[in-house]
PDB file of N, CA and C in Angstrom:
ATOM      1  N   MET A   1       0.845  -1.172   0.000  1.00  0.00           N
ATOM      2  CA  MET A   1       0.000   0.000   0.000  1.00  0.00           C
ATOM      3  C   MET A   1       0.891   1.234   0.000  1.00  0.00           C
ATOM      4  N   HIS A   2       0.469   2.258  -0.720  1.00  0.00           N
ATOM      5  CA  HIS A   2       1.217   3.500  -0.825  1.00  0.00           C
ATOM      6  C   HIS A   2       0.668   4.516   0.172  1.00  0.00           C
ATOM      7  N   THR A   3       1.544   5.232   0.827  1.00  0.00           N
ATOM      8  CA  THR A   3       1.146   6.287   1.756  1.00  0.00           C
ATOM      9  C   THR A   3       1.365   7.630   1.105  1.00  0.00           C
ATOM     10  N   THR A   4       0.413   8.539   1.283  1.00  0.00           N
ATOM     11  CA  THR A   4       0.532   9.865   0.690  1.00  0.00           C
ATOM     12  C   THR A   4      -0.074  10.911   1.626  1.00  0.00           C
ATOM     13  N   THR A   5       0.204  12.148   1.354  1.00  0.00           N
ATOM     14  CA  THR A   5      -0.362  13.250   2.110  1.00  0.00           C
ATOM     15  C   THR A   5      -1.347  13.986   1.211  1.00  0.00           C
ATOM     16  N   VAL A   6      -2.521  14.250   1.743  1.00  0.00           N
ATOM     17  CA  VAL A   6      -3.542  14.993   1.009  1.00  0.00           C
ATOM     18  C   VAL A   6      -3.888  16.212   1.846  1.00  0.00           C
ATOM     19  N   ARG A   7      -3.952  17.364   1.210  1.00  0.00           N
ATOM     20  CA  ARG A   7      -4.268  18.602   1.932  1.00  0.00           C
ATOM     21  C   ARG A   7      -5.663  19.075   1.541  1.00  0.00           C
ATOM     22  N   PHE A   8      -6.428  19.501   2.557  1.00  0.00           N
ATOM     23  CA  PHE A   8      -7.783  20.007   2.354  1.00  0.00           C
ATOM     24  C   PHE A   8      -7.904  21.395   2.958  1.00  0.00           C
ATOM     25  N   PRO A   9      -8.688  22.268   2.330  1.00  0.00           N
ATOM     26  CA  PRO A   9      -9.000  23.538   2.985  1.00  0.00           C
ATOM     27  C   PRO A   9      -9.776  23.249   4.276  1.00  0.00           C
ATOM     28  N   GLY A  10      -9.724  24.167   5.224  1.00  0.00           N
ATOM     29  CA  GLY A  10     -10.337  23.949   6.535  1.00  0.00           C
ATOM     30  C   GLY A  10     -11.793  23.524   6.501  1.00  0.00           C
ATOM     31  N   GLU A  11     -12.615  24.219   5.713  1.00  0.00           N
ATOM     32  CA  GLU A  11     -14.047  23.906   5.660  1.00  0.00           C
ATOM     33  C   GLU A  11     -14.292  22.531   5.050  1.00  0.00           C
ATOM     34  N   THR A  12     -13.546  22.177   4.025  1.00  0.00           N
ATOM     35  CA  THR A  12     -13.696  20.851   3.399  1.00  0.00           C
ATOM     36  C   THR A  12     -13.341  19.763   4.398  1.00  0.00           C
ATOM     37  N   TRP A  13     -12.262  19.957   5.133  1.00  0.00           N
ATOM     38  CA  TRP A  13     -11.852  18.967   6.136  1.00  0.00           C
ATOM     39  C   TRP A  13     -12.913  18.834   7.227  1.00  0.00           C
ATOM     40  N   ARG A  14     -13.474  19.968   7.661  1.00  0.00           N
ATOM     41  CA  ARG A  14     -14.501  19.931   8.705  1.00  0.00           C
ATOM     42  C   ARG A  14     -15.709  19.129   8.230  1.00  0.00           C
ATOM     43  N   LEU A  15     -16.153  19.375   6.996  1.00  0.00           N
ATOM     44  CA  LEU A  15     -17.291  18.639   6.450  1.00  0.00           C
ATOM     45  C   LEU A  15     -16.972  17.151   6.307  1.00  0.00           C
ATOM     46  N   LEU A  16     -15.775  16.850   5.849  1.00  0.00           N
ATOM     47  CA  LEU A  16     -15.347  15.454   5.714  1.00  0.00           C
ATOM     48  C   LEU A  16     -15.379  14.753   7.060  1.00  0.00           C
ATOM     49  N   LYS A  17     -14.834  15.404   8.093  1.00  0.00           N
ATOM     50  CA  LYS A  17     -14.822  14.808   9.443  1.00  0.00           C
ATOM     51  C   LYS A  17     -16.248  14.573   9.946  1.00  0.00           C
ATOM     52  N   GLU A  18     -17.141  15.542   9.709  1.00  0.00           N
ATOM     53  CA  GLU A  18     -18.532  15.391  10.153  1.00  0.00           C
ATOM     54  C   GLU A  18     -19.191  14.180   9.508  1.00  0.00           C
ATOM     55  N   VAL A  19     -19.022  14.057   8.199  1.00  0.00           N
ATOM     56  CA  VAL A  19     -19.626  12.931   7.480  1.00  0.00           C
ATOM     57  C   VAL A  19     -19.055  11.610   7.972  1.00  0.00           C
ATOM     58  N   CYS A  20     -17.751  11.559   8.151  1.00  0.00           N
ATOM     59  CA  CYS A  20     -17.110  10.321   8.600  1.00  0.00           C
ATOM     60  C   CYS A  20     -17.554   9.941  10.011  1.00  0.00           C
ATOM     61  N   GLU A  21     -17.655  10.916  10.886  1.00  0.00           N
ATOM     62  CA  GLU A  21     -18.116  10.637  12.250  1.00  0.00           C
ATOM     63  C   GLU A  21     -19.561  10.147  12.237  1.00  0.00           C
ATOM     64  N   ARG A  22     -20.387  10.816  11.431  1.00  0.00           N
ATOM     65  CA  ARG A  22     -21.790  10.413  11.331  1.00  0.00           C
ATOM     66  C   ARG A  22     -21.919   8.983  10.821  1.00  0.00           C
ATOM     67  N   ASP A  23     -21.100   8.640   9.814  1.00  0.00           N
ATOM     68  CA  ASP A  23     -21.187   7.313   9.192  1.00  0.00           C
ATOM     69  C   ASP A  23     -20.329   6.268   9.896  1.00  0.00           C
ATOM     70  N   GLY A  24     -19.547   6.695  10.888  1.00  0.00           N
ATOM     71  CA  GLY A  24     -18.706   5.743  11.627  1.00  0.00           C
ATOM     72  C   GLY A  24     -17.599   5.149  10.790  1.00  0.00           C
ATOM     73  N   ILE A  25     -16.957   5.974   9.975  1.00  0.00           N
ATOM     74  CA  ILE A  25     -15.887   5.490   9.101  1.00  0.00           C
ATOM     75  C   ILE A  25     -14.676   6.414   9.243  1.00  0.00           C
ATOM     76  N   ALA A  26     -13.498   5.854   9.127  1.00  0.00           N
ATOM     77  CA  ALA A  26     -12.281   6.659   9.202  1.00  0.00           C
ATOM     78  C   ALA A  26     -12.163   7.534   7.958  1.00  0.00           C
ATOM     79  N   THR A  27     -11.588   8.716   8.138  1.00  0.00           N
ATOM     80  CA  THR A  27     -11.425   9.617   6.987  1.00  0.00           C
ATOM     81  C   THR A  27     -10.578   8.964   5.896  1.00  0.00           C
ATOM     82  N   ALA A  28      -9.549   8.235   6.284  1.00  0.00           N
ATOM     83  CA  ALA A  28      -8.701   7.567   5.282  1.00  0.00           C
ATOM     84  C   ALA A  28      -9.516   6.568   4.464  1.00  0.00           C
ATOM     85  N   GLN A  29     -10.406   5.830   5.124  1.00  0.00           N
ATOM     86  CA  GLN A  29     -11.236   4.857   4.413  1.00  0.00           C
ATOM     87  C   GLN A  29     -12.204   5.577   3.465  1.00  0.00           C
ATOM     88  N   TYR A  30     -12.778   6.659   3.924  1.00  0.00           N
ATOM     89  CA  TYR A  30     -13.688   7.447   3.096  1.00  0.00           C
ATOM     90  C   TYR A  30     -12.974   7.936   1.835  1.00  0.00           C
ATOM     91  N   ILE A  31     -11.776   8.462   2.022  1.00  0.00           N
ATOM     92  CA  ILE A  31     -11.002   8.976   0.883  1.00  0.00           C
ATOM     93  C   ILE A  31     -10.627   7.846  -0.069  1.00  0.00           C
ATOM     94  N   ARG A  32     -10.242   6.673   0.474  1.00  0.00           N
ATOM     95  CA  ARG A  32      -9.926   5.515  -0.384  1.00  0.00           C
ATOM     96  C   ARG A  32     -11.142   5.122  -1.215  1.00  0.00           C
ATOM     97  N   GLU A  33     -12.319   5.012  -0.546  1.00  0.00           N
ATOM     98  CA  GLU A  33     -13.525   4.590  -1.250  1.00  0.00           C
ATOM     99  C   GLU A  33     -13.951   5.614  -2.302  1.00  0.00           C
ATOM    100  N   ALA A  34     -13.817   6.897  -1.980  1.00  0.00           N
ATOM    101  CA  ALA A  34     -14.161   7.941  -2.945  1.00  0.00           C
ATOM    102  C   ALA A  34     -13.232   7.872  -4.155  1.00  0.00           C
ATOM    103  N   THR A  35     -11.968   7.598  -3.905  1.00  0.00           N
ATOM    104  CA  THR A  35     -10.999   7.489  -4.992  1.00  0.00           C
ATOM    105  C   THR A  35     -11.330   6.306  -5.890  1.00  0.00           C
ATOM    106  N   ILE A  36     -11.650   5.176  -5.288  1.00  0.00           N
ATOM    107  CA  ILE A  36     -11.996   3.982  -6.062  1.00  0.00           C
ATOM    108  C   ILE A  36     -13.251   4.234  -6.887  1.00  0.00           C
ATOM    109  N   ALA A  37     -14.257   4.893  -6.281  1.00  0.00           N
ATOM    110  CA  ALA A  37     -15.494   5.187  -7.007  1.00  0.00           C
ATOM    111  C   ALA A  37     -15.214   6.106  -8.192  1.00  0.00           C
ATOM    112  N   ARG A  38     -14.390   7.108  -7.981  1.00  0.00           N
ATOM    113  CA  ARG A  38     -14.056   8.047  -9.061  1.00  0.00           C
ATOM    114  C   ARG A  38     -13.299   7.337 -10.176  1.00  0.00           C
ATOM    115  N   LEU A  39     -12.370   6.466  -9.822  1.00  0.00           N
ATOM    116  CA  LEU A  39     -11.634   5.709 -10.828  1.00  0.00           C
ATOM    117  C   LEU A  39     -12.569   4.801 -11.622  1.00  0.00           C
ATOM    118  N   ALA A  40     -13.513   4.183 -10.926  1.00  0.00           N
ATOM    119  CA  ALA A  40     -14.461   3.302 -11.607  1.00  0.00           C
ATOM    120  C   ALA A  40     -15.316   4.089 -12.583  1.00  0.00           C
ATOM    121  N   GLN A  41     -15.703   5.311 -12.199  1.00  0.00           N
ATOM    122  CA  GLN A  41     -16.503   6.154 -13.087  1.00  0.00           C
ATOM    123  C   GLN A  41     -15.745   6.516 -14.350  1.00  0.00           C
ATOM    124  N   SER A  42     -14.466   6.767 -14.214  1.00  0.00           N
ATOM    125  CA  SER A  42     -13.698   7.230 -15.368  1.00  0.00           C
ATOM    126  C   SER A  42     -13.144   6.087 -16.210  1.00  0.00           C
ATOM    127  N   ALA A  43     -13.332   4.867 -15.781  1.00  0.00           N
ATOM    128  CA  ALA A  43     -12.820   3.711 -16.512  1.00  0.00           C
ATOM    129  C   ALA A  43     -13.833   3.276 -17.562  1.00  0.00           C
ATOM    130  N   HIS A  44     -14.049   4.112 -18.567  1.00  0.00           N
ATOM    131  CA  HIS A  44     -15.032   3.797 -19.600  1.00  0.00           C
ATOM    132  C   HIS A  44     -14.432   2.836 -20.614  1.00  0.00           C
ATOM    133  N   THR A  45     -14.994   1.661 -20.607  1.00  0.00           N
ATOM    134  CA  THR A  45     -14.636   0.653 -21.603  1.00  0.00           C
ATOM    135  C   THR A  45     -15.883   0.410 -22.445  1.00  0.00           C
ATOM    136  N   PRO A  46     -15.744  -0.231 -23.568  1.00  0.00           N
ATOM    137  CA  PRO A  46     -16.946  -0.537 -24.350  1.00  0.00           C
ATOM    138  C   PRO A  46     -18.005  -1.273 -23.523  1.00  0.00           C
ATOM    139  N   GLN A  47     -17.568  -2.156 -22.643  1.00  0.00           N
ATOM    140  CA  GLN A  47     -18.532  -2.912 -21.830  1.00  0.00           C
ATOM    141  C   GLN A  47     -19.248  -1.987 -20.849  1.00  0.00           C
ATOM    142  N   THR A  48     -18.519  -1.080 -20.165  1.00  0.00           N
ATOM    143  CA  THR A  48     -19.191  -0.193 -19.211  1.00  0.00           C
ATOM    144  C   THR A  48     -20.098   0.782 -19.939  1.00  0.00           C
ATOM    145  N   GLU A  49     -19.697   1.215 -21.118  1.00  0.00           N
ATOM    146  CA  GLU A  49     -20.564   2.103 -21.892  1.00  0.00           C
ATOM    147  C   GLU A  49     -21.847   1.383 -22.301  1.00  0.00           C
ATOM    148  N   ARG A  50     -21.734   0.121 -22.675  1.00  0.00           N
ATOM    149  CA  ARG A  50     -22.929  -0.670 -23.013  1.00  0.00           C
ATOM    150  C   ARG A  50     -23.816  -0.811 -21.795  1.00  0.00           C
ATOM    151  N   LEU A  51     -23.218  -1.112 -20.643  1.00  0.00           N
ATOM    152  CA  LEU A  51     -23.998  -1.241 -19.415  1.00  0.00           C
ATOM    153  C   LEU A  51     -24.657   0.075 -19.034  1.00  0.00           C
ATOM    154  N   ASP A  52     -23.959   1.188 -19.233  1.00  0.00           N
ATOM    155  CA  ASP A  52     -24.549   2.504 -18.965  1.00  0.00           C
ATOM    156  C   ASP A  52     -25.782   2.730 -19.835  1.00  0.00           C
ATOM    157  N   ARG A  53     -25.690   2.383 -21.120  1.00  0.00           N
ATOM    158  CA  ARG A  53     -26.839   2.539 -22.020  1.00  0.00           C
ATOM    159  C   ARG A  53     -28.000   1.657 -21.570  1.00  0.00           C
ATOM    160  N   GLU A  54     -27.683   0.423 -21.174  1.00  0.00           N
ATOM    161  CA  GLU A  54     -28.728  -0.487 -20.717  1.00  0.00           C
ATOM    162  C   GLU A  54     -29.398   0.042 -19.452  1.00  0.00           C
ATOM    163  N   MET A  55     -28.618   0.656 -18.552  1.00  0.00           N
ATOM    164  CA  MET A  55     -29.193   1.229 -17.333  1.00  0.00           C
ATOM    165  C   MET A  55     -30.131   2.385 -17.670  1.00  0.00           C
ATOM    166  N   VAL A  56     -29.755   3.227 -18.618  1.00  0.00           N
ATOM    167  CA  VAL A  56     -30.617   4.336 -19.028  1.00  0.00           C
ATOM    168  C   VAL A  56     -31.929   3.788 -19.580  1.00  0.00           C
ATOM    169  N   GLU A  57     -31.838   2.763 -20.431  1.00  0.00           N
ATOM    170  CA  GLU A  57     -33.035   2.161 -21.001  1.00  0.00           C
ATOM    171  C   GLU A  57     -33.896   1.527 -19.912  1.00  0.00           C
ATOM    172  N   LEU A  58     -33.268   0.854 -18.967  1.00  0.00           N
ATOM    173  CA  LEU A  58     -34.003   0.218 -17.880  1.00  0.00           C
ATOM    174  C   LEU A  58     -34.709   1.264 -17.015  1.00  0.00           C
ATOM    175  N   ARG A  59     -34.025   2.356 -16.696  1.00  0.00           N
ATOM    176  CA  ARG A  59     -34.661   3.421 -15.905  1.00  0.00           C
ATOM    177  C   ARG A  59     -35.877   3.985 -16.633  1.00  0.00           C
ATOM    178  N   ALA A  60     -35.758   4.171 -17.938  1.00  0.00           N
ATOM    179  CA  ALA A  60     -36.878   4.700 -18.723  1.00  0.00           C
ATOM    180  C   ALA A  60     -38.053   3.727 -18.676  1.00  0.00           C
ATOM    181  N   ARG A  61     -37.780   2.436 -18.794  1.00  0.00           N
ATOM    182  CA  ARG A  61     -38.858   1.441 -18.725  1.00  0.00           C
ATOM    183  C   ARG A  61     -39.531   1.463 -17.362  1.00  0.00           C
ATOM    184  N   VAL A  62     -38.730   1.512 -16.301  1.00  0.00           N
ATOM    185  CA  VAL A  62     -39.281   1.541 -14.942  1.00  0.00           C
ATOM    186  C   VAL A  62     -40.155   2.774 -14.753  1.00  0.00           C
ATOM    187  N   GLU A  63     -39.702   3.918 -15.243  1.00  0.00           N
ATOM    188  CA  GLU A  63     -40.500   5.143 -15.133  1.00  0.00           C
ATOM    189  C   GLU A  63     -41.830   5.006 -15.877  1.00  0.00           C
ATOM    190  N   ARG A  64     -41.804   4.395 -17.060  1.00  0.00           N
ATOM    191  CA  ARG A  64     -43.050   4.191 -17.812  1.00  0.00           C
ATOM    192  C   ARG A  64     -43.996   3.269 -17.047  1.00  0.00           C
ATOM    193  N   ILE A  65     -43.464   2.215 -16.463  1.00  0.00           N
ATOM    194  CA  ILE A  65     -44.290   1.277 -15.695  1.00  0.00           C
ATOM    195  C   ILE A  65     -44.874   1.978 -14.468  1.00  0.00           C
ATOM    196  N   GLU A  66     -44.049   2.772 -13.775  1.00  0.00           N
ATOM    197  CA  GLU A  66     -44.537   3.491 -12.595  1.00  0.00           C
ATOM    198  C   GLU A  66     -45.664   4.452 -12.975  1.00  0.00           C
ATOM    199  N   ARG A  67     -45.513   5.176 -14.087  1.00  0.00           N
ATOM    200  CA  ARG A  67     -46.564   6.097 -14.525  1.00  0.00           C
ATOM    201  C   ARG A  67     -47.853   5.335 -14.849  1.00  0.00           C
ATOM    202  N   ALA A  68     -47.711   4.176 -15.508  1.00  0.00           N
ATOM    203  CA  ALA A  68     -48.892   3.368 -15.845  1.00  0.00           C
ATOM    204  C   ALA A  68     -49.571   2.882 -14.581  1.00  0.00           C
ATOM    205  N   LEU A  69     -48.805   2.452 -13.606  1.00  0.00           N
ATOM    206  CA  LEU A  69     -49.385   1.978 -12.352  1.00  0.00           C
ATOM    207  C   LEU A  69     -50.100   3.106 -11.615  1.00  0.00           C
ATOM    208  N   GLN A  70     -49.515   4.285 -11.624  1.00  0.00           N
ATOM    209  CA  GLN A  70     -50.139   5.421 -10.949  1.00  0.00           C
ATOM    210  C   GLN A  70     -51.491   5.769 -11.577  1.00  0.00           C
ATOM    211  N   ARG A  71     -51.606   5.609 -12.882  1.00  0.00           N
ATOM    212  CA  ARG A  71     -52.873   5.879 -13.552  1.00  0.00           C
ATOM    213  C   ARG A  71     -53.929   4.838 -13.179  1.00  0.00           C
ATOM    214  N   ARG A  72     -53.509   3.621 -12.891  1.00  0.00           N
ATOM    215  CA  ARG A  72     -54.452   2.534 -12.604  1.00  0.00           C
ATOM    216  C   ARG A  72     -54.899   2.504 -11.154  1.00  0.00           C
ATOM    217  N   ILE A  73     -54.077   2.993 -10.252  1.00  0.00           N
ATOM    218  CA  ILE A  73     -54.399   2.917  -8.827  1.00  0.00           C
ATOM    219  C   ILE A  73     -55.237   4.141  -8.431  1.00  0.00           C
ATOM    220  N   PRO A  74     -56.489   3.913  -7.994  1.00  0.00           N
ATOM    221  CA  PRO A  74     -57.310   5.050  -7.572  1.00  0.00           C
ATOM    222  C   PRO A  74     -56.788   5.636  -6.270  1.00  0.00           C
ATOM    223  N   ARG A  75     -56.927   6.950  -6.159  1.00  0.00           N
ATOM    224  CA  ARG A  75     -56.433   7.615  -4.942  1.00  0.00           C
ATOM    225  C   ARG A  75     -57.552   8.133  -4.128  1.00  0.00           C
TER     226      ARG A  75
END
């Protein structure tokens, strides 16, 4: 594992500490997980792009189904 120093402005650090305390996670772990998530987002391969398109299509279908159900259920 590589060790590094990361510097944050005071307000950013305060907010980070608050979130970590609330969630019961160490700041280092939070930063590691955020870094991994960001790397995963930027790792666009043909397969992830295909999956992204499929997710968009799936969300659209779910929204259409939800709208249809709302029309059928009396309030």
